[in-house]
Amino acid sequence: MSRSIKKETLLKVAEQLFYEHGFRGVGLKQIISEANVATMTLYNHFPSKDNLVEEVLKQREERYWSYLDSHVEMDSDSPFILAVEAHGRWLKEQSYKGDMFLRAIEDYAGTDNEIENIARGHKAKLLKYFQLLAQRKGKENKRDLANQFALLLEGTTSMTTLIGAEKATEHSIAMARTLVQHTS
């Protein structure tokens, strides 16, 4: 395996394990074992577990935004609905057990670290994303609308663990339509 392939393998295995078992529930030995790499290979790419977690979160965020951007046409009649639908598909495909960013905030809160900053930054970017949509659609209450849609997506994510992604998304789309109608 080449160096970059080993790094990608480490990131993929680490993300899967962190997602399935939590950040605190997975040790580096398990990641090394399941990635089938030498201990030094991990440390050559990531000086610490925190550095590995940071990179996992950055890559996951990049994939999320790429996914959302590929499914949402900003100039469509209702980019808000498209964003909710895309988020629902993401949940079904990638995030059926809850939100990795919220887990990171919970696990690393108050420890003055980059992990919490990355996770909180992701949530802040979600608010800005909806503010931009509202601005492009000429909505006067763009901040309120952004907060409402961010809450809607966060609630959808939370409910996915209880009722499944399809049902949670179905409910959130209905709510999103109501929000859009009341802000026209």
N, C-alpha and C. Protein backbone atom coordinates (compact mmCIF):
# COMPACT_ATOMS: atom_id res chain seq x y z
N MET A 1 0.84 -1.19 0.00
CA MET A 1 0.00 0.00 0.00
C MET A 1 0.88 1.24 0.00
N SER A 2 0.55 2.19 -0.85
CA SER A 2 1.31 3.43 -0.85
C SER A 2 0.92 4.28 0.34
N ARG A 3 1.72 5.31 0.57
CA ARG A 3 1.50 6.19 1.72
C ARG A 3 0.12 6.84 1.70
N SER A 4 -0.29 7.40 0.57
CA SER A 4 -1.58 8.09 0.53
C SER A 4 -2.74 7.10 0.65
N ILE A 5 -2.57 5.91 0.11
CA ILE A 5 -3.62 4.90 0.25
C ILE A 5 -3.73 4.47 1.71
N LYS A 6 -2.61 4.34 2.38
CA LYS A 6 -2.63 3.97 3.80
C LYS A 6 -3.29 5.05 4.64
N LYS A 7 -2.99 6.29 4.32
CA LYS A 7 -3.62 7.40 5.06
C LYS A 7 -5.13 7.38 4.84
N GLU A 8 -5.56 7.21 3.61
CA GLU A 8 -6.99 7.17 3.32
C GLU A 8 -7.66 5.98 3.99
N THR A 9 -6.95 4.85 4.03
CA THR A 9 -7.49 3.67 4.72
C THR A 9 -7.64 3.95 6.21
N LEU A 10 -6.64 4.57 6.80
CA LEU A 10 -6.73 4.93 8.22
C LEU A 10 -7.92 5.85 8.48
N LEU A 11 -8.09 6.84 7.63
CA LEU A 11 -9.20 7.78 7.81
C LEU A 11 -10.55 7.09 7.66
N LYS A 12 -10.66 6.23 6.67
CA LYS A 12 -11.92 5.53 6.44
C LYS A 12 -12.26 4.60 7.60
N VAL A 13 -11.28 3.84 8.05
CA VAL A 13 -11.51 2.91 9.17
C VAL A 13 -11.81 3.70 10.44
N ALA A 14 -11.05 4.75 10.69
CA ALA A 14 -11.26 5.55 11.90
C ALA A 14 -12.66 6.17 11.90
N GLU A 15 -13.07 6.71 10.76
CA GLU A 15 -14.41 7.32 10.71
C GLU A 15 -15.49 6.28 11.01
N GLN A 16 -15.37 5.13 10.40
CA GLN A 16 -16.37 4.08 10.62
C GLN A 16 -16.41 3.67 12.09
N LEU A 17 -15.25 3.46 12.67
CA LEU A 17 -15.19 3.04 14.08
C LEU A 17 -15.68 4.14 15.02
N PHE A 18 -15.26 5.38 14.76
CA PHE A 18 -15.72 6.49 15.60
C PHE A 18 -17.23 6.63 15.49
N TYR A 19 -17.75 6.47 14.29
CA TYR A 19 -19.19 6.62 14.10
C TYR A 19 -19.95 5.50 14.81
N GLU A 20 -19.46 4.30 14.71
CA GLU A 20 -20.15 3.15 15.30
C GLU A 20 -20.01 3.08 16.82
N HIS A 21 -18.83 3.48 17.34
CA HIS A 21 -18.54 3.26 18.76
C HIS A 21 -18.23 4.53 19.56
N GLY A 22 -18.22 5.67 18.90
CA GLY A 22 -17.90 6.91 19.58
C GLY A 22 -16.40 7.18 19.61
N PHE A 23 -16.05 8.43 19.81
CA PHE A 23 -14.63 8.81 19.82
C PHE A 23 -13.89 8.20 21.00
N ARG A 24 -14.55 8.16 22.14
CA ARG A 24 -13.91 7.63 23.35
C ARG A 24 -13.91 6.10 23.38
N GLY A 25 -14.77 5.48 22.57
CA GLY A 25 -14.90 4.03 22.59
C GLY A 25 -13.95 3.30 21.66
N VAL A 26 -13.10 4.05 20.97
CA VAL A 26 -12.19 3.45 20.00
C VAL A 26 -10.77 3.89 20.32
N GLY A 27 -9.90 2.92 20.41
CA GLY A 27 -8.48 3.23 20.63
C GLY A 27 -7.69 3.14 19.35
N LEU A 28 -6.49 3.69 19.38
CA LEU A 28 -5.64 3.66 18.20
C LEU A 28 -5.24 2.24 17.82
N LYS A 29 -5.07 1.36 18.79
CA LYS A 29 -4.72 -0.03 18.48
C LYS A 29 -5.79 -0.69 17.62
N GLN A 30 -7.05 -0.43 17.92
CA GLN A 30 -8.14 -1.00 17.14
C GLN A 30 -8.11 -0.45 15.71
N ILE A 31 -7.88 0.84 15.58
CA ILE A 31 -7.82 1.45 14.25
C ILE A 31 -6.66 0.86 13.45
N ILE A 32 -5.51 0.76 14.07
CA ILE A 32 -4.32 0.20 13.42
C ILE A 32 -4.59 -1.23 12.97
N SER A 33 -5.20 -2.00 13.85
CA SER A 33 -5.50 -3.39 13.54
C SER A 33 -6.48 -3.52 12.37
N GLU A 34 -7.58 -2.78 12.44
CA GLU A 34 -8.60 -2.91 11.40
C GLU A 34 -8.17 -2.29 10.07
N ALA A 35 -7.27 -1.31 10.13
CA ALA A 35 -6.74 -0.71 8.90
C ALA A 35 -5.60 -1.55 8.33
N ASN A 36 -5.13 -2.48 9.14
CA ASN A 36 -4.03 -3.37 8.74
C ASN A 36 -2.78 -2.59 8.33
N VAL A 37 -2.38 -1.67 9.23
CA VAL A 37 -1.17 -0.89 9.01
C VAL A 37 -0.28 -0.99 10.25
N ALA A 38 0.96 -0.60 10.09
CA ALA A 38 1.89 -0.58 11.21
C ALA A 38 1.61 0.64 12.09
N THR A 39 1.96 0.51 13.35
CA THR A 39 1.78 1.61 14.30
C THR A 39 2.47 2.88 13.81
N MET A 40 3.68 2.74 13.31
CA MET A 40 4.42 3.91 12.84
C MET A 40 3.73 4.57 11.64
N THR A 41 3.02 3.79 10.85
CA THR A 41 2.30 4.36 9.71
C THR A 41 1.25 5.35 10.22
N LEU A 42 0.52 4.96 11.25
CA LEU A 42 -0.46 5.86 11.82
C LEU A 42 0.22 7.13 12.33
N TYR A 43 1.29 6.96 13.11
CA TYR A 43 1.95 8.13 13.70
C TYR A 43 2.68 8.99 12.67
N ASN A 44 3.03 8.41 11.54
CA ASN A 44 3.63 9.21 10.47
C ASN A 44 2.60 10.17 9.87
N HIS A 45 1.36 9.76 9.87
CA HIS A 45 0.29 10.59 9.29
C HIS A 45 -0.43 11.43 10.34
N PHE A 46 -0.55 10.90 11.54
CA PHE A 46 -1.31 11.57 12.59
C PHE A 46 -0.54 11.47 13.90
N PRO A 47 0.04 12.56 14.37
CA PRO A 47 0.85 12.52 15.59
C PRO A 47 0.08 12.10 16.84
N SER A 48 -1.26 12.25 16.80
CA SER A 48 -2.06 11.88 17.97
C SER A 48 -3.46 11.47 17.52
N LYS A 49 -4.20 10.90 18.45
CA LYS A 49 -5.59 10.53 18.17
C LYS A 49 -6.40 11.78 17.85
N ASP A 50 -6.15 12.87 18.57
CA ASP A 50 -6.88 14.11 18.31
C ASP A 50 -6.66 14.58 16.87
N ASN A 51 -5.43 14.48 16.37
CA ASN A 51 -5.16 14.87 14.99
C ASN A 51 -5.95 14.00 14.01
N LEU A 52 -6.06 12.71 14.32
CA LEU A 52 -6.83 11.80 13.48
C LEU A 52 -8.31 12.17 13.52
N VAL A 53 -8.84 12.44 14.69
CA VAL A 53 -10.25 12.84 14.82
C VAL A 53 -10.50 14.13 14.03
N GLU A 54 -9.60 15.09 14.15
CA GLU A 54 -9.74 16.35 13.42
C GLU A 54 -9.85 16.11 11.92
N GLU A 55 -8.96 15.29 11.40
CA GLU A 55 -8.96 15.02 9.96
C GLU A 55 -10.21 14.25 9.53
N VAL A 56 -10.66 13.33 10.36
CA VAL A 56 -11.89 12.59 10.06
C VAL A 56 -13.06 13.57 9.96
N LEU A 57 -13.16 14.49 10.91
CA LEU A 57 -14.26 15.46 10.89
C LEU A 57 -14.16 16.39 9.69
N LYS A 58 -12.96 16.82 9.36
CA LYS A 58 -12.79 17.72 8.21
C LYS A 58 -13.21 17.02 6.92
N GLN A 59 -12.81 15.77 6.76
CA GLN A 59 -13.20 15.04 5.55
C GLN A 59 -14.70 14.79 5.50
N ARG A 60 -15.28 14.45 6.65
CA ARG A 60 -16.73 14.21 6.68
C ARG A 60 -17.47 15.48 6.34
N GLU A 61 -17.02 16.60 6.87
CA GLU A 61 -17.68 17.87 6.57
C GLU A 61 -17.56 18.19 5.08
N GLU A 62 -16.40 17.98 4.52
CA GLU A 62 -16.20 18.23 3.10
C GLU A 62 -17.15 17.37 2.26
N ARG A 63 -17.29 16.12 2.63
CA ARG A 63 -18.21 15.23 1.91
C ARG A 63 -19.66 15.69 2.07
N TYR A 64 -20.03 16.13 3.28
CA TYR A 64 -21.40 16.59 3.51
C TYR A 64 -21.73 17.78 2.61
N TRP A 65 -20.85 18.78 2.60
CA TRP A 65 -21.14 19.98 1.81
C TRP A 65 -21.10 19.68 0.32
N SER A 66 -20.23 18.82 -0.09
CA SER A 66 -20.19 18.41 -1.49
C SER A 66 -21.49 17.71 -1.87
N TYR A 67 -21.96 16.85 -0.97
CA TYR A 67 -23.22 16.13 -1.19
C TYR A 67 -24.38 17.12 -1.29
N LEU A 68 -24.46 18.03 -0.32
CA LEU A 68 -25.55 19.00 -0.32
C LEU A 68 -25.50 19.86 -1.58
N ASP A 69 -24.32 20.36 -1.92
CA ASP A 69 -24.18 21.21 -3.10
C ASP A 69 -24.57 20.49 -4.38
N SER A 70 -24.31 19.20 -4.44
CA SER A 70 -24.64 18.45 -5.66
C SER A 70 -26.14 18.18 -5.79
N HIS A 71 -26.89 18.34 -4.70
CA HIS A 71 -28.33 18.06 -4.73
C HIS A 71 -29.21 19.31 -4.62
N VAL A 72 -28.60 20.45 -4.34
CA VAL A 72 -29.40 21.66 -4.14
C VAL A 72 -29.05 22.68 -5.23
N GLU A 73 -30.05 23.02 -6.01
CA GLU A 73 -29.89 24.08 -7.00
C GLU A 73 -30.29 25.38 -6.34
N MET A 74 -29.31 26.23 -6.10
CA MET A 74 -29.55 27.48 -5.36
C MET A 74 -30.61 28.35 -6.03
N ASP A 75 -30.69 28.31 -7.33
CA ASP A 75 -31.62 29.18 -8.05
C ASP A 75 -32.96 28.50 -8.35
N SER A 76 -33.19 27.35 -7.77
CA SER A 76 -34.47 26.66 -7.98
C SER A 76 -35.58 27.41 -7.26
N ASP A 77 -36.81 27.00 -7.50
CA ASP A 77 -37.95 27.63 -6.84
C ASP A 77 -37.90 27.44 -5.33
N SER A 78 -37.42 26.29 -4.90
CA SER A 78 -37.37 26.05 -3.46
C SER A 78 -36.10 25.31 -3.05
N PRO A 79 -34.99 26.03 -2.97
CA PRO A 79 -33.75 25.39 -2.54
C PRO A 79 -33.83 24.88 -1.10
N PHE A 80 -34.73 25.48 -0.32
CA PHE A 80 -34.91 25.03 1.07
C PHE A 80 -35.39 23.59 1.12
N ILE A 81 -36.39 23.28 0.30
CA ILE A 81 -36.93 21.92 0.26
C ILE A 81 -35.86 20.96 -0.27
N LEU A 82 -35.15 21.38 -1.29
CA LEU A 82 -34.09 20.54 -1.85
C LEU A 82 -33.02 20.25 -0.79
N ALA A 83 -32.70 21.24 0.03
CA ALA A 83 -31.69 21.05 1.08
C ALA A 83 -32.19 20.05 2.13
N VAL A 84 -33.45 20.15 2.50
CA VAL A 84 -34.02 19.22 3.48
C VAL A 84 -34.04 17.80 2.90
N GLU A 85 -34.43 17.68 1.63
CA GLU A 85 -34.44 16.36 0.99
C GLU A 85 -33.04 15.77 0.92
N ALA A 86 -32.07 16.60 0.53
CA ALA A 86 -30.69 16.13 0.42
C ALA A 86 -30.15 15.72 1.79
N HIS A 87 -30.45 16.50 2.80
CA HIS A 87 -30.01 16.16 4.16
C HIS A 87 -30.60 14.82 4.58
N GLY A 88 -31.85 14.61 4.24
CA GLY A 88 -32.51 13.34 4.56
C GLY A 88 -31.84 12.16 3.87
N ARG A 89 -31.47 12.34 2.61
CA ARG A 89 -30.77 11.27 1.90
C ARG A 89 -29.40 11.02 2.53
N TRP A 90 -28.72 12.09 2.92
CA TRP A 90 -27.42 11.96 3.60
C TRP A 90 -27.58 11.14 4.87
N LEU A 91 -28.63 11.45 5.63
CA LEU A 91 -28.86 10.71 6.86
C LEU A 91 -29.06 9.22 6.57
N LYS A 92 -29.85 8.93 5.58
CA LYS A 92 -30.12 7.54 5.24
C LYS A 92 -28.85 6.80 4.81
N GLU A 93 -28.02 7.49 4.04
CA GLU A 93 -26.83 6.86 3.48
C GLU A 93 -25.60 6.93 4.39
N GLN A 94 -25.45 8.03 5.15
CA GLN A 94 -24.20 8.29 5.85
C GLN A 94 -24.31 8.52 7.35
N SER A 95 -25.50 8.80 7.84
CA SER A 95 -25.58 9.28 9.22
C SER A 95 -26.81 8.74 9.95
N TYR A 96 -27.07 7.48 9.78
CA TYR A 96 -28.28 6.85 10.32
C TYR A 96 -28.26 6.67 11.83
N LYS A 97 -27.10 6.83 12.46
CA LYS A 97 -26.99 6.66 13.91
C LYS A 97 -26.77 7.98 14.64
N GLY A 98 -27.08 9.07 14.01
CA GLY A 98 -26.89 10.35 14.66
C GLY A 98 -25.77 11.15 14.03
N ASP A 99 -25.50 12.27 14.63
CA ASP A 99 -24.59 13.25 14.06
C ASP A 99 -23.21 13.17 14.69
N MET A 100 -22.22 12.90 13.86
CA MET A 100 -20.85 12.79 14.33
C MET A 100 -20.33 14.13 14.88
N PHE A 101 -20.80 15.24 14.33
CA PHE A 101 -20.35 16.55 14.79
C PHE A 101 -20.89 16.86 16.18
N LEU A 102 -22.14 16.51 16.43
CA LEU A 102 -22.68 16.70 17.78
C LEU A 102 -21.97 15.80 18.79
N ARG A 103 -21.66 14.60 18.37
CA ARG A 103 -20.90 13.70 19.25
C ARG A 103 -19.55 14.30 19.59
N ALA A 104 -18.92 14.90 18.60
CA ALA A 104 -17.61 15.52 18.84
C ALA A 104 -17.74 16.68 19.83
N ILE A 105 -18.79 17.48 19.66
CA ILE A 105 -19.01 18.60 20.59
C ILE A 105 -19.22 18.06 22.01
N GLU A 106 -20.02 17.01 22.13
CA GLU A 106 -20.28 16.42 23.44
C GLU A 106 -19.01 15.84 24.06
N ASP A 107 -18.26 15.07 23.27
CA ASP A 107 -17.07 14.39 23.80
C ASP A 107 -15.92 15.33 24.10
N TYR A 108 -15.81 16.42 23.36
CA TYR A 108 -14.66 17.30 23.51
C TYR A 108 -15.00 18.69 24.03
N ALA A 109 -16.21 18.88 24.52
CA ALA A 109 -16.65 20.19 25.00
C ALA A 109 -15.78 20.68 26.15
N GLY A 110 -15.44 21.94 26.06
CA GLY A 110 -14.73 22.59 27.14
C GLY A 110 -13.28 22.18 27.31
N THR A 111 -12.73 21.48 26.34
CA THR A 111 -11.34 21.05 26.47
C THR A 111 -10.39 21.90 25.65
N ASP A 112 -10.89 23.02 25.09
CA ASP A 112 -10.08 23.95 24.32
C ASP A 112 -9.26 23.22 23.27
N ASN A 113 -9.96 22.66 22.31
CA ASN A 113 -9.28 21.88 21.28
C ASN A 113 -9.85 22.19 19.91
N GLU A 114 -9.13 21.77 18.90
CA GLU A 114 -9.55 22.01 17.52
C GLU A 114 -10.75 21.13 17.13
N ILE A 115 -10.90 19.99 17.76
CA ILE A 115 -12.01 19.09 17.43
C ILE A 115 -13.35 19.78 17.66
N GLU A 116 -13.50 20.35 18.83
CA GLU A 116 -14.75 21.06 19.14
C GLU A 116 -14.95 22.23 18.19
N ASN A 117 -13.87 22.94 17.87
CA ASN A 117 -13.96 24.08 16.94
C ASN A 117 -14.43 23.64 15.56
N ILE A 118 -13.92 22.52 15.06
CA ILE A 118 -14.33 22.00 13.76
C ILE A 118 -15.81 21.66 13.78
N ALA A 119 -16.24 20.97 14.83
CA ALA A 119 -17.64 20.55 14.94
C ALA A 119 -18.57 21.75 15.06
N ARG A 120 -18.21 22.70 15.90
CA ARG A 120 -19.04 23.90 16.05
C ARG A 120 -19.04 24.73 14.76
N GLY A 121 -17.92 24.74 14.09
CA GLY A 121 -17.81 25.45 12.81
C GLY A 121 -18.76 24.87 11.77
N HIS A 122 -18.90 23.56 11.79
CA HIS A 122 -19.83 22.89 10.87
C HIS A 122 -21.25 23.37 11.12
N LYS A 123 -21.63 23.47 12.37
CA LYS A 123 -22.98 23.93 12.71
C LYS A 123 -23.18 25.40 12.34
N ALA A 124 -22.16 26.20 12.56
CA ALA A 124 -22.25 27.62 12.19
C ALA A 124 -22.37 27.77 10.67
N LYS A 125 -21.68 26.92 9.93
CA LYS A 125 -21.74 26.97 8.47
C LYS A 125 -23.14 26.61 7.98
N LEU A 126 -23.82 25.73 8.69
CA LEU A 126 -25.18 25.37 8.34
C LEU A 126 -26.11 26.59 8.45
N LEU A 127 -25.96 27.35 9.51
CA LEU A 127 -26.74 28.58 9.67
C LEU A 127 -26.45 29.56 8.54
N LYS A 128 -25.18 29.75 8.23
CA LYS A 128 -24.80 30.68 7.16
C LYS A 128 -25.34 30.22 5.81
N TYR A 129 -25.35 28.92 5.60
CA TYR A 129 -25.87 28.35 4.37
C TYR A 129 -27.33 28.73 4.17
N PHE A 130 -28.12 28.57 5.21
CA PHE A 130 -29.54 28.91 5.10
C PHE A 130 -29.75 30.42 5.04
N GLN A 131 -28.90 31.20 5.67
CA GLN A 131 -28.99 32.65 5.53
C GLN A 131 -28.75 33.06 4.08
N LEU A 132 -27.77 32.42 3.45
CA LEU A 132 -27.47 32.70 2.05
C LEU A 132 -28.66 32.33 1.15
N LEU A 133 -29.25 31.16 1.41
CA LEU A 133 -30.44 30.77 0.63
C LEU A 133 -31.55 31.81 0.80
N ALA A 134 -31.78 32.23 2.03
CA ALA A 134 -32.84 33.21 2.30
C ALA A 134 -32.55 34.53 1.61
N GLN A 135 -31.31 34.93 1.65
CA GLN A 135 -30.92 36.18 1.00
C GLN A 135 -31.13 36.08 -0.52
N ARG A 136 -30.72 34.96 -1.11
CA ARG A 136 -30.88 34.76 -2.56
C ARG A 136 -32.35 34.74 -2.97
N LYS A 137 -33.20 34.31 -2.07
CA LYS A 137 -34.64 34.25 -2.36
C LYS A 137 -35.36 35.53 -1.93
N GLY A 138 -34.61 36.52 -1.46
CA GLY A 138 -35.19 37.80 -1.10
C GLY A 138 -36.03 37.79 0.15
N LYS A 139 -35.74 36.88 1.07
CA LYS A 139 -36.49 36.80 2.32
C LYS A 139 -36.01 37.88 3.28
N GLU A 140 -36.95 38.59 3.89
CA GLU A 140 -36.58 39.65 4.82
C GLU A 140 -36.08 39.10 6.15
N ASN A 141 -36.62 38.02 6.59
CA ASN A 141 -36.29 37.45 7.89
C ASN A 141 -35.25 36.33 7.76
N LYS A 142 -34.17 36.61 7.03
CA LYS A 142 -33.22 35.54 6.70
C LYS A 142 -32.58 34.90 7.92
N ARG A 143 -32.32 35.66 8.97
CA ARG A 143 -31.72 35.07 10.17
C ARG A 143 -32.68 34.12 10.86
N ASP A 144 -33.93 34.54 11.02
CA ASP A 144 -34.94 33.68 11.64
C ASP A 144 -35.17 32.42 10.81
N LEU A 145 -35.27 32.59 9.50
CA LEU A 145 -35.49 31.45 8.62
C LEU A 145 -34.30 30.48 8.67
N ALA A 146 -33.10 31.03 8.70
CA ALA A 146 -31.90 30.17 8.81
C ALA A 146 -31.92 29.37 10.10
N ASN A 147 -32.26 30.02 11.20
CA ASN A 147 -32.35 29.31 12.47
C ASN A 147 -33.42 28.22 12.43
N GLN A 148 -34.55 28.52 11.83
CA GLN A 148 -35.63 27.54 11.76
C GLN A 148 -35.23 26.33 10.92
N PHE A 149 -34.58 26.57 9.79
CA PHE A 149 -34.16 25.44 8.95
C PHE A 149 -33.01 24.66 9.58
N ALA A 150 -32.10 25.34 10.24
CA ALA A 150 -31.02 24.62 10.93
C ALA A 150 -31.61 23.74 12.04
N LEU A 151 -32.57 24.28 12.78
CA LEU A 151 -33.25 23.48 13.80
C LEU A 151 -34.00 22.30 13.18
N LEU A 152 -34.60 22.54 12.05
CA LEU A 152 -35.33 21.48 11.36
C LEU A 152 -34.38 20.34 10.98
N LEU A 153 -33.22 20.69 10.42
CA LEU A 153 -32.26 19.65 10.04
C LEU A 153 -31.69 18.93 11.26
N GLU A 154 -31.40 19.68 12.31
CA GLU A 154 -30.88 19.06 13.52
C GLU A 154 -31.93 18.12 14.14
N GLY A 155 -33.17 18.55 14.12
CA GLY A 155 -34.24 17.69 14.64
C GLY A 155 -34.43 16.45 13.79
N THR A 156 -34.30 16.61 12.50
CA THR A 156 -34.40 15.46 11.60
C THR A 156 -33.29 14.46 11.90
N THR A 157 -32.10 14.98 12.11
CA THR A 157 -30.96 14.12 12.44
C THR A 157 -31.21 13.37 13.74
N SER A 158 -31.69 14.07 14.74
CA SER A 158 -31.96 13.43 16.03
C SER A 158 -33.05 12.38 15.92
N MET A 159 -34.10 12.69 15.20
CA MET A 159 -35.22 11.76 15.07
C MET A 159 -34.87 10.53 14.24
N THR A 160 -33.85 10.65 13.41
CA THR A 160 -33.43 9.50 12.59
C THR A 160 -33.08 8.31 13.47
N THR A 161 -32.46 8.57 14.61
CA THR A 161 -32.10 7.46 15.50
C THR A 161 -33.32 6.81 16.14
N LEU A 162 -34.44 7.54 16.19
CA LEU A 162 -35.64 7.02 16.81
C LEU A 162 -36.63 6.39 15.83
N ILE A 163 -36.85 7.07 14.70
CA ILE A 163 -37.89 6.61 13.78
C ILE A 163 -37.35 6.26 12.39
N GLY A 164 -36.06 6.44 12.18
CA GLY A 164 -35.46 6.13 10.89
C GLY A 164 -35.38 7.36 10.00
N ALA A 165 -34.44 7.33 9.09
CA ALA A 165 -34.17 8.48 8.22
C ALA A 165 -35.34 8.78 7.30
N GLU A 166 -35.98 7.75 6.75
CA GLU A 166 -37.07 8.00 5.79
C GLU A 166 -38.24 8.71 6.45
N LYS A 167 -38.67 8.22 7.60
CA LYS A 167 -39.81 8.81 8.30
C LYS A 167 -39.45 10.22 8.80
N ALA A 168 -38.27 10.37 9.38
CA ALA A 168 -37.85 11.68 9.87
C ALA A 168 -37.79 12.69 8.73
N THR A 169 -37.27 12.25 7.60
CA THR A 169 -37.18 13.14 6.43
C THR A 169 -38.56 13.49 5.90
N GLU A 170 -39.44 12.53 5.86
CA GLU A 170 -40.81 12.77 5.41
C GLU A 170 -41.46 13.87 6.25
N HIS A 171 -41.32 13.78 7.57
CA HIS A 171 -41.88 14.80 8.46
C HIS A 171 -41.19 16.15 8.27
N SER A 172 -39.89 16.12 8.10
CA SER A 172 -39.16 17.39 7.97
C SER A 172 -39.49 18.09 6.65
N ILE A 173 -39.72 17.34 5.59
CA ILE A 173 -40.11 17.95 4.32
C ILE A 173 -41.46 18.63 4.46
N ALA A 174 -42.39 17.98 5.14
CA ALA A 174 -43.70 18.60 5.37
C ALA A 174 -43.55 19.89 6.18
N MET A 175 -42.71 19.85 7.20
CA MET A 175 -42.49 21.06 8.00
C MET A 175 -41.80 22.14 7.18
N ALA A 176 -40.85 21.74 6.34
CA ALA A 176 -40.15 22.72 5.51
C ALA A 176 -41.10 23.41 4.53
N ARG A 177 -42.02 22.65 3.99
CA ARG A 177 -43.01 23.25 3.08
C ARG A 177 -43.87 24.28 3.82
N THR A 178 -44.22 23.97 5.03
CA THR A 178 -45.00 24.91 5.85
C THR A 178 -44.19 26.18 6.11
N LEU A 179 -42.94 26.01 6.47
CA LEU A 179 -42.07 27.17 6.71
C LEU A 179 -41.96 28.03 5.46
N VAL A 180 -41.72 27.41 4.34
CA VAL A 180 -41.56 28.16 3.09
C VAL A 180 -42.86 28.90 2.74
N GLN A 181 -44.00 28.24 2.91
CA GLN A 181 -45.29 28.89 2.60
C GLN A 181 -45.54 30.10 3.48
N HIS A 182 -45.13 30.02 4.75
CA HIS A 182 -45.38 31.12 5.66
C HIS A 182 -44.38 32.26 5.53
N THR A 183 -43.38 32.08 4.70
CA THR A 183 -42.40 33.15 4.52
C THR A 183 -42.42 33.69 3.11
N SER A 184 -43.38 33.27 2.32
CA SER A 184 -43.44 33.74 0.91
C SER A 184 -43.83 35.19 0.83
